[in-house]
Amino acid sequence: MDIFNDKVVLLTGGTGSFGNKFVEIVLKEHNPKVLRIFSRDEKKQSDMAMKFNDSRLRFFIGDVRDRDRLHRAMTDVDIVIHAAALKQVPACEYNPIEAVRTNIDGAINVIDSAIDSKVDRVMAISTDKAVHPVNLYGATKMTAEKLFIQGNSYSGTAGTKFSCVRYGNVIGSRGSVVPLFLEQKKTGAITITDDKMTRFWITLDQGVKFVINCIERMKGGEIFIPKISSMKIMDLADAIAPNTEKKVIGIRPGEKIHEILLTEDEARHSREFDDSFVIEPEHPFWDKTNVKGGKLPKVGFRYTSETNDKWLTKEQLMKIIKEL
């Protein structure tokens, strides 16, 4: 059964990279009654309205910091996808209070508004930066994850269900290294902070479809993690700019050499599937029969970008970039 069929869906941060791809896929492959786009930028909303030209779309100007506006936007909503965030690491480091107000206070407002409006399901979009965070962005997303999972304690077993999806860097999204390297390539040299670095990568299409699948599967309280590819930063640079000088400039504050999507402590209460991991909450509201199938990861297992058994080739990366 299509989870979106004849449902009213609200997407926060709906004019971003994820939002545009989500709208494209949901309008094409599903049949929502209404798809509400909640964001701050009227220009981007106007562009989306012309781009999709679909009567099922509604546009709400608003900020997740504004609980009253969120409450109004959630009237009669069945499903919420929370994608709104300040996500660029340097910007969050330089504007820490703004990052907290959007990523943490905004999460609280989404949770409270969803419960008060009797929304059925809420899926929050998280990031590998939330795991063992070393920068403020990661710390705010870690906190947001905890808030959404524990939001189930506030709503109760018969109320709004909250879950999260946690994945890695999105190829070609705003603020990612791919557009930066493509632009630097024109100058004859690209900058690399550390030549040993590895990263998890996922396409927008993969990310959106995984989120949709998890909304269908969720019982409330899970963190869903897709099994995705890793790539060495030097391979990424060579693929994008094969005959271009590479300058190693040193790691930036708040940056990791390798990234992690599942810690060894989380693995102890997780289930592994062919395409994903599901972290089960360790709290009384959770019914241990909610997740069916899968297997327990090995003792001490951790899912990291440098020990991943799935790697993206240069040819695969360039094919993805050309399709963007």
Protein backbone atom coordinates (compact mmCIF):
# COMPACT_ATOMS: atom_id res chain seq x y z
CA MET A 1 0.00 0.00 0.00
CA ASP A 2 1.33 3.46 -0.95
CA ILE A 3 2.01 5.33 2.31
CA PHE A 4 1.45 8.70 0.56
CA ASN A 5 -1.80 7.81 -1.21
CA ASP A 6 -4.38 10.57 -0.57
CA LYS A 7 -2.29 11.89 2.36
CA VAL A 8 -1.34 15.45 3.29
CA VAL A 9 2.46 15.62 3.47
CA LEU A 10 4.59 18.47 4.86
CA LEU A 11 8.25 18.88 3.95
CA THR A 12 10.34 21.34 5.96
CA GLY A 13 13.33 22.81 4.17
CA GLY A 14 11.43 21.84 1.05
CA THR A 15 13.24 24.09 -1.44
CA GLY A 16 16.68 22.53 -0.86
CA SER A 17 18.42 19.84 -2.90
CA PHE A 18 16.69 17.03 -1.02
CA GLY A 19 13.33 18.81 -1.19
CA ASN A 20 13.41 19.28 -4.95
CA LYS A 21 14.27 15.64 -5.58
CA PHE A 22 11.71 14.46 -3.02
CA VAL A 23 8.94 16.49 -4.69
CA GLU A 24 9.97 15.21 -8.13
CA ILE A 25 9.81 11.56 -7.06
CA VAL A 26 6.70 11.75 -4.88
CA LEU A 27 4.64 13.62 -7.49
CA LYS A 28 5.75 11.20 -10.21
CA GLU A 29 5.59 7.86 -8.39
CA HIS A 30 3.01 8.45 -5.63
CA ASN A 31 -0.34 10.14 -5.23
CA PRO A 32 -0.44 12.50 -2.24
CA LYS A 33 -3.55 14.57 -1.69
CA VAL A 34 -1.42 17.63 -0.92
CA LEU A 35 2.34 18.17 -0.65
CA ARG A 36 3.15 21.23 1.46
CA ILE A 37 6.54 22.92 1.06
CA PHE A 38 7.65 24.79 4.18
CA SER A 39 10.69 27.06 3.80
CA ARG A 40 11.97 30.62 4.22
CA ASP A 41 12.78 31.59 0.61
CA GLU A 42 9.91 32.93 -1.51
CA LYS A 43 12.09 33.03 -4.66
CA LYS A 44 12.95 29.33 -4.42
CA GLN A 45 9.31 28.52 -3.75
CA SER A 46 8.28 30.47 -6.83
CA ASP A 47 10.90 28.62 -8.89
CA MET A 48 9.61 25.26 -7.61
CA ALA A 49 6.00 26.20 -8.38
CA MET A 50 6.91 26.94 -12.00
CA LYS A 51 9.20 23.93 -12.27
CA PHE A 52 6.64 21.34 -11.16
CA ASN A 53 3.37 23.10 -12.06
CA ASP A 54 1.29 20.64 -10.02
CA SER A 55 -2.00 21.49 -8.29
CA ARG A 56 -1.12 19.19 -5.38
CA LEU A 57 1.70 21.49 -4.28
CA ARG A 58 1.20 24.13 -1.57
CA PHE A 59 3.84 26.62 -0.42
CA PHE A 60 4.18 27.94 3.14
CA ILE A 61 6.64 30.73 3.92
CA GLY A 62 7.98 30.03 7.38
CA ASP A 63 10.93 29.15 9.61
CA VAL A 64 11.18 26.09 11.86
CA ARG A 65 12.20 28.49 14.62
CA ASP A 66 8.62 29.82 14.54
CA ARG A 67 6.49 27.29 16.39
CA ASP A 68 3.20 29.12 15.74
CA ARG A 69 3.77 29.09 11.98
CA LEU A 70 4.74 25.42 12.07
CA HIS A 71 1.60 24.62 14.04
CA ARG A 72 -0.52 26.33 11.40
CA ALA A 73 1.32 24.56 8.56
CA MET A 74 0.72 21.15 10.19
CA THR A 75 -3.06 21.47 10.33
CA ASP A 76 -4.55 18.22 8.95
CA VAL A 77 -1.08 16.89 8.00
CA ASP A 78 -0.55 13.10 8.01
CA ILE A 79 3.21 12.83 7.37
CA VAL A 80 6.10 15.23 8.04
CA ILE A 81 9.60 14.97 6.56
CA HIS A 82 11.92 17.29 8.46
CA ALA A 83 14.81 18.33 6.20
CA ALA A 84 15.26 21.96 7.29
CA ALA A 85 18.71 22.66 8.79
CA LEU A 86 21.76 24.85 8.73
CA LYS A 87 24.23 22.26 7.43
CA GLN A 88 27.46 23.86 6.23
CA VAL A 89 30.15 23.16 8.82
CA PRO A 90 32.09 26.47 8.54
CA ALA A 91 28.87 28.52 8.65
CA CYS A 92 27.70 26.71 11.78
CA GLU A 93 31.09 27.18 13.45
CA TYR A 94 30.99 30.93 12.74
CA ASN A 95 27.29 31.28 13.65
CA PRO A 96 26.88 28.79 16.51
CA ILE A 97 23.81 30.31 18.14
CA GLU A 98 21.99 30.41 14.80
CA ALA A 99 22.85 26.74 14.24
CA VAL A 100 21.42 25.82 17.64
CA ARG A 101 18.25 27.85 17.07
CA THR A 102 17.55 26.21 13.72
CA ASN A 103 18.84 22.65 14.20
CA ILE A 104 17.91 22.09 17.85
CA ASP A 105 15.17 24.58 18.72
CA GLY A 106 13.66 23.98 15.27
CA ALA A 107 13.59 20.23 15.95
CA ILE A 108 11.77 20.82 19.24
CA ASN A 109 9.20 22.99 17.46
CA VAL A 110 8.62 20.30 14.81
CA ILE A 111 8.12 17.67 17.53
CA ASP A 112 5.73 19.77 19.61
CA SER A 113 3.72 20.93 16.58
CA ALA A 114 3.44 17.39 15.20
CA ILE A 115 2.16 16.01 18.51
CA ASP A 116 -0.30 18.88 19.01
CA SER A 117 -1.55 18.53 15.41
CA LYS A 118 -1.88 14.73 15.72
CA VAL A 119 0.44 14.04 12.78
CA ASP A 120 0.76 10.30 12.18
CA ARG A 121 4.45 10.01 11.18
CA VAL A 122 7.51 12.27 11.31
CA MET A 123 10.81 11.36 9.64
CA ALA A 124 13.84 13.53 10.39
CA ILE A 125 16.83 13.67 8.05
CA SER A 126 20.18 13.29 9.84
CA THR A 127 23.82 12.90 8.85
CA ASP A 128 27.00 10.97 9.57
CA LYS A 129 28.28 14.19 11.17
CA ALA A 130 25.95 13.41 14.10
CA VAL A 131 28.06 10.35 15.02
CA HIS A 132 30.97 11.13 17.37
CA PRO A 133 30.56 14.82 16.43
CA VAL A 134 33.68 16.98 16.21
CA ASN A 135 31.99 20.18 15.03
CA LEU A 136 28.95 22.18 16.07
CA TYR A 137 26.87 21.08 13.09
CA GLY A 138 27.38 17.44 14.05
CA ALA A 139 26.60 18.21 17.69
CA THR A 140 23.32 19.90 16.79
CA LYS A 141 22.29 16.99 14.55
CA MET A 142 23.22 14.46 17.26
CA THR A 143 20.99 16.39 19.66
CA ALA A 144 18.20 16.55 17.08
CA GLU A 145 18.39 12.77 16.63
CA LYS A 146 18.03 12.25 20.38
CA LEU A 147 15.09 14.66 20.48
CA PHE A 148 13.22 12.94 17.66
CA ILE A 149 13.75 9.45 19.06
CA GLN A 150 12.67 10.55 22.53
CA GLY A 151 9.77 12.45 20.99
CA ASN A 152 8.02 9.07 21.04
CA SER A 153 7.99 9.27 24.84
CA TYR A 154 6.03 12.52 24.65
CA SER A 155 3.51 11.33 22.07
CA GLY A 156 2.88 7.90 23.63
CA THR A 157 2.33 4.58 21.89
CA ALA A 158 -0.93 5.67 20.25
CA GLY A 159 0.32 9.10 19.14
CA THR A 160 2.73 10.59 16.62
CA LYS A 161 5.59 8.31 15.58
CA PHE A 162 9.09 9.80 15.21
CA SER A 163 12.09 8.22 13.45
CA CYS A 164 15.31 9.35 11.74
CA VAL A 165 17.24 8.55 8.58
CA ARG A 166 21.02 8.99 8.86
CA TYR A 167 23.20 8.97 5.74
CA GLY A 168 26.41 10.39 4.27
CA ASN A 169 27.45 13.13 1.85
CA VAL A 170 25.11 13.73 -1.09
CA ILE A 171 26.87 13.88 -4.45
CA GLY A 172 26.36 17.28 -6.05
CA SER A 173 24.24 18.83 -3.29
CA ARG A 174 24.76 22.45 -2.34
CA GLY A 175 27.82 22.80 -0.11
CA SER A 176 29.35 19.43 -1.07
CA VAL A 177 32.92 19.08 -2.32
CA VAL A 178 31.88 17.97 -5.83
CA PRO A 179 30.64 21.40 -7.02
CA LEU A 180 33.68 22.96 -5.31
CA PHE A 181 36.13 20.72 -7.19
CA LEU A 182 34.32 21.33 -10.48
CA GLU A 183 34.65 25.08 -9.96
CA GLN A 184 38.28 24.91 -8.77
CA LYS A 185 39.17 22.77 -11.78
CA LYS A 186 38.72 25.87 -13.96
CA THR A 187 41.58 27.60 -12.08
CA GLY A 188 44.07 24.78 -12.74
CA ALA A 189 44.40 23.65 -9.10
CA ILE A 190 42.10 22.11 -6.49
CA THR A 191 42.58 22.13 -2.72
CA ILE A 192 42.47 19.01 -0.55
CA THR A 193 42.59 19.21 3.22
CA ASP A 194 44.04 15.72 3.81
CA ASP A 195 45.05 13.16 1.18
CA LYS A 196 44.15 10.21 3.47
CA MET A 197 40.52 11.27 3.78
CA THR A 198 37.57 8.98 2.93
CA ARG A 199 33.88 9.81 2.75
CA PHE A 200 30.51 8.08 2.45
CA TRP A 201 28.59 9.06 -0.69
CA ILE A 202 24.96 8.76 -1.74
CA THR A 203 23.01 10.25 -4.66
CA LEU A 204 19.96 12.44 -4.13
CA ASP A 205 17.81 9.85 -5.87
CA GLN A 206 19.09 7.08 -3.57
CA GLY A 207 18.61 9.26 -0.49
CA VAL A 208 15.02 10.23 -1.30
CA LYS A 209 13.96 6.68 -2.19
CA PHE A 210 15.56 5.35 1.00
CA VAL A 211 13.67 7.94 3.07
CA ILE A 212 10.38 7.02 1.42
CA ASN A 213 11.02 3.32 2.06
CA CYS A 214 11.82 4.03 5.72
CA ILE A 215 8.64 6.08 6.20
CA GLU A 216 6.74 3.00 5.07
CA ARG A 217 8.72 0.73 7.43
CA MET A 218 8.92 2.93 10.54
CA LYS A 219 7.24 2.02 13.81
CA GLY A 220 8.59 5.04 15.69
CA GLY A 221 11.98 5.25 17.40
CA GLU A 222 14.31 3.77 14.77
CA ILE A 223 17.35 5.33 13.12
CA PHE A 224 17.67 3.98 9.57
CA ILE A 225 21.10 3.85 7.91
CA PRO A 226 21.56 2.86 4.25
CA LYS A 227 24.52 0.78 3.11
CA ILE A 228 26.25 3.17 0.73
CA SER A 229 29.59 3.54 -1.02
CA SER A 230 32.82 5.09 0.23
CA MET A 231 35.42 6.92 -1.82
CA LYS A 232 38.93 8.19 -1.13
CA ILE A 233 39.16 11.95 -1.52
CA MET A 234 42.18 11.61 -3.83
CA ASP A 235 40.23 9.25 -6.11
CA LEU A 236 37.38 11.75 -6.13
CA ALA A 237 39.76 14.56 -7.04
CA ASP A 238 41.45 12.52 -9.77
CA ALA A 239 38.09 11.56 -11.26
CA ILE A 240 36.84 15.15 -11.43
CA ALA A 241 40.13 16.83 -12.34
CA PRO A 242 42.57 14.19 -13.65
CA ASN A 243 45.17 16.59 -15.02
CA THR A 244 44.87 19.30 -12.41
CA GLU A 245 47.29 20.21 -9.63
CA LYS A 246 46.24 18.96 -6.18
CA LYS A 247 47.20 21.18 -3.24
CA VAL A 248 47.04 19.63 0.25
CA ILE A 249 46.27 22.55 2.58
CA GLY A 250 45.71 20.80 5.92
CA ILE A 251 42.60 19.64 7.72
CA ARG A 252 40.10 22.31 8.72
CA PRO A 253 38.73 22.80 12.26
CA GLY A 254 35.85 20.41 12.89
CA GLU A 255 36.73 18.07 10.01
CA LYS A 256 37.28 14.30 10.23
CA ILE A 257 39.71 12.12 8.29
CA HIS A 258 37.14 9.30 8.10
CA GLU A 259 33.43 9.23 8.81
CA ILE A 260 31.21 6.83 10.73
CA LEU A 261 27.53 5.98 10.31
CA LEU A 262 27.14 3.30 12.99
CA THR A 263 29.18 3.03 16.20
CA GLU A 264 30.08 -0.22 17.97
CA ASP A 265 27.80 0.81 20.86
CA GLU A 266 24.85 1.43 18.52
CA ALA A 267 25.54 -1.86 16.72
CA ARG A 268 24.74 -3.74 19.94
CA HIS A 269 21.08 -2.76 19.57
CA SER A 270 20.85 -2.73 15.76
CA ARG A 271 19.65 -5.07 13.05
CA GLU A 272 21.54 -5.53 9.79
CA PHE A 273 19.74 -6.02 6.47
CA ASP A 274 21.06 -6.43 2.92
CA ASP A 275 20.64 -2.72 2.17
CA SER A 276 20.63 -1.06 5.57
CA PHE A 277 21.07 -1.01 9.34
CA VAL A 278 18.25 -0.20 11.76
CA ILE A 279 19.19 1.14 15.19
CA GLU A 280 16.53 0.19 17.71
CA PRO A 281 15.90 2.55 20.65
CA GLU A 282 16.86 1.41 24.14
CA HIS A 283 13.80 2.79 25.86
CA PRO A 284 10.60 1.36 27.41
CA PHE A 285 8.33 2.55 24.61
CA TRP A 286 10.03 0.23 22.10
CA ASP A 287 8.45 -3.10 21.20
CA LYS A 288 11.24 -5.57 20.38
CA THR A 289 9.02 -7.26 17.78
CA ASN A 290 8.77 -4.05 15.70
CA VAL A 291 11.77 -4.87 13.50
CA LYS A 292 11.34 -8.21 11.80
CA GLY A 293 14.18 -10.06 10.12
CA GLY A 294 17.75 -8.91 9.82
CA LYS A 295 20.64 -10.07 11.96
CA LEU A 296 22.74 -8.75 14.81
CA PRO A 297 26.05 -7.21 13.66
CA LYS A 298 29.21 -8.90 14.90
CA VAL A 299 30.52 -7.86 18.32
CA GLY A 300 32.61 -4.72 17.96
CA PHE A 301 31.31 -3.91 14.47
CA ARG A 302 31.32 -0.28 13.37
CA TYR A 303 30.31 1.08 9.98
CA THR A 304 32.98 3.54 8.85
CA SER A 305 34.02 5.07 5.54
CA GLU A 306 37.56 3.65 5.61
CA THR A 307 36.56 0.04 6.48
CA ASN A 308 33.53 -0.09 4.19
CA ASP A 309 33.38 -3.07 1.80
CA LYS A 310 31.55 -1.02 -0.84
CA TRP A 311 33.58 1.52 -2.85
CA LEU A 312 32.62 4.00 -5.54
CA THR A 313 34.83 3.86 -8.66
CA LYS A 314 35.95 6.92 -10.60
CA GLU A 315 33.85 5.81 -13.55
CA GLN A 316 30.73 5.41 -11.39
CA LEU A 317 31.26 8.85 -9.85
CA MET A 318 31.63 10.59 -13.21
CA LYS A 319 28.54 8.86 -14.54
CA ILE A 320 26.56 10.18 -11.56
CA ILE A 321 27.93 13.71 -11.99
CA LYS A 322 27.05 13.74 -15.69
CA GLU A 323 23.47 12.74 -14.85
CA LEU A 324 23.02 15.59 -12.35
